[in-house]
C-alpha atoms as a PDB file:
ATOM      1  CA  UNK A   1     -35.625  27.117  23.764  1.00  0.00           C
ATOM      2  CA  UNK A   2     -35.636  24.604  20.901  1.00  0.00           C
ATOM      3  CA  UNK A   3     -32.674  24.376  18.577  1.00  0.00           C
ATOM      4  CA  UNK A   4     -35.145  24.569  15.654  1.00  0.00           C
ATOM      5  CA  UNK A   5     -38.824  25.462  15.831  1.00  0.00           C
ATOM      6  CA  UNK A   6     -41.262  22.835  14.512  1.00  0.00           C
ATOM      7  CA  UNK A   7     -42.892  23.809  11.222  1.00  0.00           C
ATOM      8  CA  UNK A   8     -46.518  24.903  11.454  1.00  0.00           C
ATOM      9  CA  UNK A   9     -47.953  22.262   9.131  1.00  0.00           C
ATOM     10  CA  UNK A  10     -47.259  18.813   7.811  1.00  0.00           C
ATOM     11  CA  UNK A  11     -45.449  18.647   4.476  1.00  0.00           C
ATOM     12  CA  UNK A  12     -48.118  17.715   1.868  1.00  0.00           C
ATOM     13  CA  UNK A  13     -45.979  14.812   0.710  1.00  0.00           C
ATOM     14  CA  UNK A  14     -46.009  13.335   4.216  1.00  0.00           C
ATOM     15  CA  UNK A  15     -49.687  13.781   5.134  1.00  0.00           C
ATOM     16  CA  UNK A  16     -50.678  10.181   4.477  1.00  0.00           C
ATOM     17  CA  UNK A  17     -47.732   8.844   6.497  1.00  0.00           C
ATOM     18  CA  UNK A  18     -48.298  11.171   9.455  1.00  0.00           C
ATOM     19  CA  UNK A  19     -51.825   9.782   9.925  1.00  0.00           C
ATOM     20  CA  UNK A  20     -50.060   6.970  11.790  1.00  0.00           C
ATOM     21  CA  UNK A  21     -49.500   9.395  14.672  1.00  0.00           C
ATOM     22  CA  UNK A  22     -53.211  10.261  14.900  1.00  0.00           C
ATOM     23  CA  UNK A  23     -53.738   6.689  16.117  1.00  0.00           C
ATOM     24  CA  UNK A  24     -50.712   6.467  18.380  1.00  0.00           C
ATOM     25  CA  UNK A  25     -50.743   9.962  19.928  1.00  0.00           C
ATOM     26  CA  UNK A  26     -53.703  11.906  18.585  1.00  0.00           C
ATOM     27  CA  UNK A  27     -51.425  14.482  16.902  1.00  0.00           C
ATOM     28  CA  UNK A  28     -48.350  14.740  14.686  1.00  0.00           C
ATOM     29  CA  UNK A  29     -45.366  15.114  17.023  1.00  0.00           C
ATOM     30  CA  UNK A  30     -43.224  18.228  16.948  1.00  0.00           C
ATOM     31  CA  UNK A  31     -40.193  16.010  16.358  1.00  0.00           C
ATOM     32  CA  UNK A  32     -41.610  15.046  12.950  1.00  0.00           C
ATOM     33  CA  UNK A  33     -42.682  18.623  12.208  1.00  0.00           C
ATOM     34  CA  UNK A  34     -39.067  19.667  12.828  1.00  0.00           C
ATOM     35  CA  UNK A  35     -37.579  16.717  10.941  1.00  0.00           C
ATOM     36  CA  UNK A  36     -39.618  17.391   7.813  1.00  0.00           C
ATOM     37  CA  UNK A  37     -37.225  20.180   6.797  1.00  0.00           C
ATOM     38  CA  UNK A  38     -35.603  17.214   5.099  1.00  0.00           C
ATOM     39  CA  UNK A  39     -38.685  15.293   3.905  1.00  0.00           C
ATOM     40  CA  UNK A  40     -36.690  12.190   2.959  1.00  0.00           C
ATOM     41  CA  UNK A  41     -35.439  11.862   6.545  1.00  0.00           C
ATOM     42  CA  UNK A  42     -38.942  12.411   7.952  1.00  0.00           C
ATOM     43  CA  UNK A  43     -40.384   9.847   5.542  1.00  0.00           C
ATOM     44  CA  UNK A  44     -37.735   7.244   6.367  1.00  0.00           C
ATOM     45  CA  UNK A  45     -38.225   7.842  10.100  1.00  0.00           C
ATOM     46  CA  UNK A  46     -42.022   7.494   9.922  1.00  0.00           C
ATOM     47  CA  UNK A  47     -41.742   4.303   7.888  1.00  0.00           C
ATOM     48  CA  UNK A  48     -39.219   2.857  10.348  1.00  0.00           C
ATOM     49  CA  UNK A  49     -41.449   3.876  13.269  1.00  0.00           C
ATOM     50  CA  UNK A  50     -44.477   2.204  11.685  1.00  0.00           C
ATOM     51  CA  UNK A  51     -42.519  -0.976  10.954  1.00  0.00           C
ATOM     52  CA  UNK A  52     -41.014  -1.216  14.439  1.00  0.00           C
ATOM     53  CA  UNK A  53     -44.284  -0.478  16.219  1.00  0.00           C
ATOM     54  CA  UNK A  54     -46.423  -2.775  14.062  1.00  0.00           C
ATOM     55  CA  UNK A  55     -48.170  -5.351  16.229  1.00  0.00           C
ATOM     56  CA  UNK A  56     -47.201  -8.887  15.172  1.00  0.00           C
ATOM     57  CA  UNK A  57     -48.728 -10.615  18.205  1.00  0.00           C
ATOM     58  CA  UNK A  58     -47.236 -11.189  21.632  1.00  0.00           C
ATOM     59  CA  UNK A  59     -45.055  -8.063  21.737  1.00  0.00           C
ATOM     60  CA  UNK A  60     -48.185  -5.962  22.022  1.00  0.00           C
ATOM     61  CA  UNK A  61     -48.573  -2.323  21.056  1.00  0.00           C
ATOM     62  CA  UNK A  62     -48.863  -1.497  24.765  1.00  0.00           C
ATOM     63  CA  UNK A  63     -45.674  -3.395  25.674  1.00  0.00           C
ATOM     64  CA  UNK A  64     -43.748  -1.771  22.832  1.00  0.00           C
ATOM     65  CA  UNK A  65     -44.628   1.670  24.228  1.00  0.00           C
ATOM     66  CA  UNK A  66     -43.571   0.572  27.736  1.00  0.00           C
ATOM     67  CA  UNK A  67     -40.252  -0.629  26.320  1.00  0.00           C
ATOM     68  CA  UNK A  68     -39.891   2.774  24.644  1.00  0.00           C
ATOM     69  CA  UNK A  69     -40.776   4.475  27.911  1.00  0.00           C
ATOM     70  CA  UNK A  70     -38.092   2.654  29.907  1.00  0.00           C
ATOM     71  CA  UNK A  71     -35.518   3.217  27.158  1.00  0.00           C
ATOM     72  CA  UNK A  72     -36.368   6.935  27.217  1.00  0.00           C
ATOM     73  CA  UNK A  73     -36.289   7.038  31.011  1.00  0.00           C
ATOM     74  CA  UNK A  74     -32.815   5.481  30.927  1.00  0.00           C
ATOM     75  CA  UNK A  75     -31.642   8.014  28.321  1.00  0.00           C
ATOM     76  CA  UNK A  76     -33.279  10.888  30.196  1.00  0.00           C
ATOM     77  CA  UNK A  77     -35.481  12.083  27.315  1.00  0.00           C
ATOM     78  CA  UNK A  78     -38.542  13.563  28.977  1.00  0.00           C
ATOM     79  CA  UNK A  79     -40.205  14.382  25.668  1.00  0.00           C
ATOM     80  CA  UNK A  80     -40.172  10.691  24.681  1.00  0.00           C
ATOM     81  CA  UNK A  81     -41.239   9.573  28.163  1.00  0.00           C
ATOM     82  CA  UNK A  82     -44.401  11.656  27.818  1.00  0.00           C
ATOM     83  CA  UNK A  83     -45.071  10.339  24.307  1.00  0.00           C
ATOM     84  CA  UNK A  84     -44.532   6.662  25.068  1.00  0.00           C
ATOM     85  CA  UNK A  85     -46.611   6.815  28.246  1.00  0.00           C
ATOM     86  CA  UNK A  86     -49.462   8.552  26.432  1.00  0.00           C
ATOM     87  CA  UNK A  87     -49.308   6.076  23.528  1.00  0.00           C
ATOM     88  CA  UNK A  88     -49.219   3.076  25.901  1.00  0.00           C
ATOM     89  CA  UNK A  89     -52.451   4.265  27.489  1.00  0.00           C
ATOM     90  CA  UNK A  90     -54.022   4.779  24.064  1.00  0.00           C
ATOM     91  CA  UNK A  91     -53.139   1.114  23.380  1.00  0.00           C
ATOM     92  CA  UNK A  92     -54.758  -0.190  26.557  1.00  0.00           C
ATOM     93  CA  UNK A  93     -52.362   0.457  29.457  1.00  0.00           C
ATOM     94  CA  UNK A  94     -54.420   0.774  32.638  1.00  0.00           C
ATOM     95  CA  UNK A  95     -53.767   3.270  35.408  1.00  0.00           C
ATOM     96  CA  UNK A  96     -52.918   0.319  37.676  1.00  0.00           C
ATOM     97  CA  UNK A  97     -50.324  -1.100  35.291  1.00  0.00           C
ATOM     98  CA  UNK A  98     -48.812   2.340  34.745  1.00  0.00           C
ATOM     99  CA  UNK A  99     -48.512   2.858  38.492  1.00  0.00           C
ATOM    100  CA  UNK A 100     -47.016  -0.641  38.877  1.00  0.00           C
ATOM    101  CA  UNK A 101     -44.446  -0.014  36.129  1.00  0.00           C
ATOM    102  CA  UNK A 102     -42.046   1.421  38.715  1.00  0.00           C
ATOM    103  CA  UNK A 103     -42.138  -2.009  40.436  1.00  0.00           C
ATOM    104  CA  UNK A 104     -42.587  -4.218  37.365  1.00  0.00           C
ATOM    105  CA  UNK A 105     -40.030  -6.749  38.636  1.00  0.00           C
ATOM    106  CA  UNK A 106     -42.277  -7.708  41.560  1.00  0.00           C
ATOM    107  CA  UNK A 107     -45.742  -6.560  40.520  1.00  0.00           C
ATOM    108  CA  UNK A 108     -48.280  -9.313  39.759  1.00  0.00           C
ATOM    109  CA  UNK A 109     -49.595  -7.025  37.006  1.00  0.00           C
ATOM    110  CA  UNK A 110     -46.516  -7.877  34.894  1.00  0.00           C
ATOM    111  CA  UNK A 111     -45.726 -11.336  33.525  1.00  0.00           C
ATOM    112  CA  UNK A 112     -42.312 -13.002  33.578  1.00  0.00           C
ATOM    113  CA  UNK A 113     -42.096 -12.456  29.811  1.00  0.00           C
ATOM    114  CA  UNK A 114     -42.810  -8.731  30.202  1.00  0.00           C
ATOM    115  CA  UNK A 115     -40.233  -8.489  32.996  1.00  0.00           C
ATOM    116  CA  UNK A 116     -37.610 -10.079  30.740  1.00  0.00           C
ATOM    117  CA  UNK A 117     -38.426  -7.616  27.931  1.00  0.00           C
ATOM    118  CA  UNK A 118     -38.352  -4.605  30.269  1.00  0.00           C
ATOM    119  CA  UNK A 119     -35.095  -5.712  31.935  1.00  0.00           C
ATOM    120  CA  UNK A 120     -33.583  -6.039  28.463  1.00  0.00           C
ATOM    121  CA  UNK A 121     -34.874  -2.577  27.480  1.00  0.00           C
ATOM    122  CA  UNK A 122     -33.206  -0.975  30.504  1.00  0.00           C
ATOM    123  CA  UNK A 123     -29.921  -2.760  29.883  1.00  0.00           C
ATOM    124  CA  UNK A 124     -29.884  -2.234  26.104  1.00  0.00           C
ATOM    125  CA  UNK A 125     -30.573   1.502  26.418  1.00  0.00           C
ATOM    126  CA  UNK A 126     -27.877   2.071  29.031  1.00  0.00           C
ATOM    127  CA  UNK A 127     -24.577   3.703  28.110  1.00  0.00           C
ATOM    128  CA  UNK A 128     -22.398   1.724  28.170  1.00  0.00           C
ATOM    129  CA  UNK A 129     -24.648  -1.139  27.100  1.00  0.00           C
ATOM    130  CA  UNK A 130     -25.488  -3.362  30.059  1.00  0.00           C
ATOM    131  CA  UNK A 131     -26.948  -6.462  28.370  1.00  0.00           C
ATOM    132  CA  UNK A 132     -25.501  -9.447  30.213  1.00  0.00           C
ATOM    133  CA  UNK A 133     -25.587 -13.160  29.466  1.00  0.00           C
ATOM    134  CA  UNK A 134     -28.242 -13.587  32.161  1.00  0.00           C
ATOM    135  CA  UNK A 135     -30.473 -10.855  30.689  1.00  0.00           C
ATOM    136  CA  UNK A 136     -30.068 -12.374  27.210  1.00  0.00           C
ATOM    137  CA  UNK A 137     -30.922 -15.864  28.484  1.00  0.00           C
ATOM    138  CA  UNK A 138     -34.049 -14.586  30.238  1.00  0.00           C
ATOM    139  CA  UNK A 139     -35.131 -12.816  27.050  1.00  0.00           C
ATOM    140  CA  UNK A 140     -34.625 -15.964  24.950  1.00  0.00           C
ATOM    141  CA  UNK A 141     -36.519 -18.032  27.542  1.00  0.00           C
ATOM    142  CA  UNK A 142     -39.684 -16.013  26.936  1.00  0.00           C
ATOM    143  CA  UNK A 143     -39.498 -14.605  23.404  1.00  0.00           C
ATOM    144  CA  UNK A 144     -38.735 -16.091  19.999  1.00  0.00           C
ATOM    145  CA  UNK A 145     -36.193 -14.661  17.563  1.00  0.00           C
ATOM    146  CA  UNK A 146     -38.669 -12.473  15.677  1.00  0.00           C
ATOM    147  CA  UNK A 147     -40.030 -11.080  18.931  1.00  0.00           C
ATOM    148  CA  UNK A 148     -36.518 -10.277  20.141  1.00  0.00           C
ATOM    149  CA  UNK A 149     -35.983  -8.330  16.907  1.00  0.00           C
ATOM    150  CA  UNK A 150     -39.175  -6.377  17.653  1.00  0.00           C
ATOM    151  CA  UNK A 151     -38.102  -5.634  21.238  1.00  0.00           C
ATOM    152  CA  UNK A 152     -34.621  -4.464  20.274  1.00  0.00           C
ATOM    153  CA  UNK A 153     -36.119  -2.553  17.355  1.00  0.00           C
ATOM    154  CA  UNK A 154     -38.121  -0.460  19.831  1.00  0.00           C
ATOM    155  CA  UNK A 155     -35.076   0.196  22.023  1.00  0.00           C
ATOM    156  CA  UNK A 156     -33.053   1.213  18.969  1.00  0.00           C
ATOM    157  CA  UNK A 157     -35.815   3.431  17.561  1.00  0.00           C
ATOM    158  CA  UNK A 158     -35.943   5.322  20.827  1.00  0.00           C
ATOM    159  CA  UNK A 159     -32.163   5.571  20.915  1.00  0.00           C
ATOM    160  CA  UNK A 160     -32.554   7.719  17.799  1.00  0.00           C
ATOM    161  CA  UNK A 161     -35.561   9.636  19.127  1.00  0.00           C
ATOM    162  CA  UNK A 162     -34.052  10.282  22.562  1.00  0.00           C
ATOM    163  CA  UNK A 163     -30.977  11.859  21.023  1.00  0.00           C
ATOM    164  CA  UNK A 164     -33.016  13.773  18.453  1.00  0.00           C
ATOM    165  CA  UNK A 165     -35.489  15.273  20.896  1.00  0.00           C
ATOM    166  CA  UNK A 166     -33.193  16.013  23.803  1.00  0.00           C
ATOM    167  CA  UNK A 167     -30.561  17.586  21.530  1.00  0.00           C
ATOM    168  CA  UNK A 168     -33.186  19.498  19.557  1.00  0.00           C
ATOM    169  CA  UNK A 169     -35.002  20.616  22.715  1.00  0.00           C
ATOM    170  CA  UNK A 170     -38.234  19.640  20.963  1.00  0.00           C
ATOM    171  CA  UNK A 171     -41.186  21.497  22.537  1.00  0.00           C
ATOM    172  CA  UNK A 172     -43.715  19.142  24.063  1.00  0.00           C
ATOM    173  CA  UNK A 173     -47.266  19.235  22.725  1.00  0.00           C
ATOM    174  CA  UNK A 174     -50.291  19.977  24.908  1.00  0.00           C
ATOM    175  CA  UNK A 175     -51.645  16.412  24.771  1.00  0.00           C
ATOM    176  CA  UNK A 176     -48.337  14.887  25.865  1.00  0.00           C
ATOM    177  CA  UNK A 177     -47.861  17.560  28.535  1.00  0.00           C
ATOM    178  CA  UNK A 178     -51.340  16.912  29.955  1.00  0.00           C
ATOM    179  CA  UNK A 179     -50.646  13.185  30.160  1.00  0.00           C
ATOM    180  CA  UNK A 180     -47.234  13.604  31.781  1.00  0.00           C
ATOM    181  CA  UNK A 181     -48.474  16.169  34.289  1.00  0.00           C
ATOM    182  CA  UNK A 182     -51.289  13.864  35.366  1.00  0.00           C
ATOM    183  CA  UNK A 183     -49.456  10.531  35.337  1.00  0.00           C
ATOM    184  CA  UNK A 184     -45.689  11.016  35.478  1.00  0.00           C
ATOM    185  CA  UNK A 185     -44.955  14.037  37.677  1.00  0.00           C
ATOM    186  CA  UNK A 186     -45.459  11.992  40.839  1.00  0.00           C
ATOM    187  CA  UNK A 187     -42.520   9.848  39.662  1.00  0.00           C
ATOM    188  CA  UNK A 188     -40.224  12.840  39.173  1.00  0.00           C
ATOM    189  CA  UNK A 189     -41.019  13.766  35.562  1.00  0.00           C
ATOM    190  CA  UNK A 190     -40.904  17.442  34.632  1.00  0.00           C
ATOM    191  CA  UNK A 191     -40.731  19.204  31.275  1.00  0.00           C
ATOM    192  CA  UNK A 192     -37.410  20.194  29.771  1.00  0.00           C
ATOM    193  CA  UNK A 193     -34.029  18.685  29.113  1.00  0.00           C
ATOM    194  CA  UNK A 194     -32.889  16.174  31.697  1.00  0.00           C
ATOM    195  CA  UNK A 195     -29.606  17.992  32.375  1.00  0.00           C
ATOM    196  CA  UNK A 196     -30.890  21.490  33.030  1.00  0.00           C
ATOM    197  CA  UNK A 197     -34.560  21.041  33.849  1.00  0.00           C
ATOM    198  CA  UNK A 198     -35.411  23.990  31.586  1.00  0.00           C
ATOM    199  CA  UNK A 199     -38.837  24.078  30.044  1.00  0.00           C
ATOM    200  CA  UNK A 200     -39.060  23.154  26.356  1.00  0.00           C
END
């Protein structure tokens, strides 16, 4: 049972901003519909999300969603795992690359630069933080300073979202549930909070 039920409709003052999610997910997420009880917080979150996820080049929209997925997997937020996986596929992730994600360190479908970014995402989202000198050096070997800001921006954005959605018990939307059931259940995903497995 969610801590708070998402509101039925988007706040009129946020409608233009929430169109961003029509591209990324195909729907406005329940997290935002819950958050909009304080429209200023919802607005600031959407603007941060748009800025972090904006595609500036090599850190592609697909890779940013995979970084978010691994950060959410590390944190145990199943709601965000479903969302980031769905969004990655909407931005071009193939079934083969999704399947190979579990072995990204050795899969030929992932580049050395992507491996460095994904290793960093896992380490940066761990508690306690597990970013080592070696992980940092590998990241700097493949990505410039602006790109590193983008990568860590995604990890940090999902640090907020993982805590928001798992604490709130945000109910998962049909589109995200359909994606996760089809693509993630074979890897152990199931709906609900990661600690109790209850359905949300």
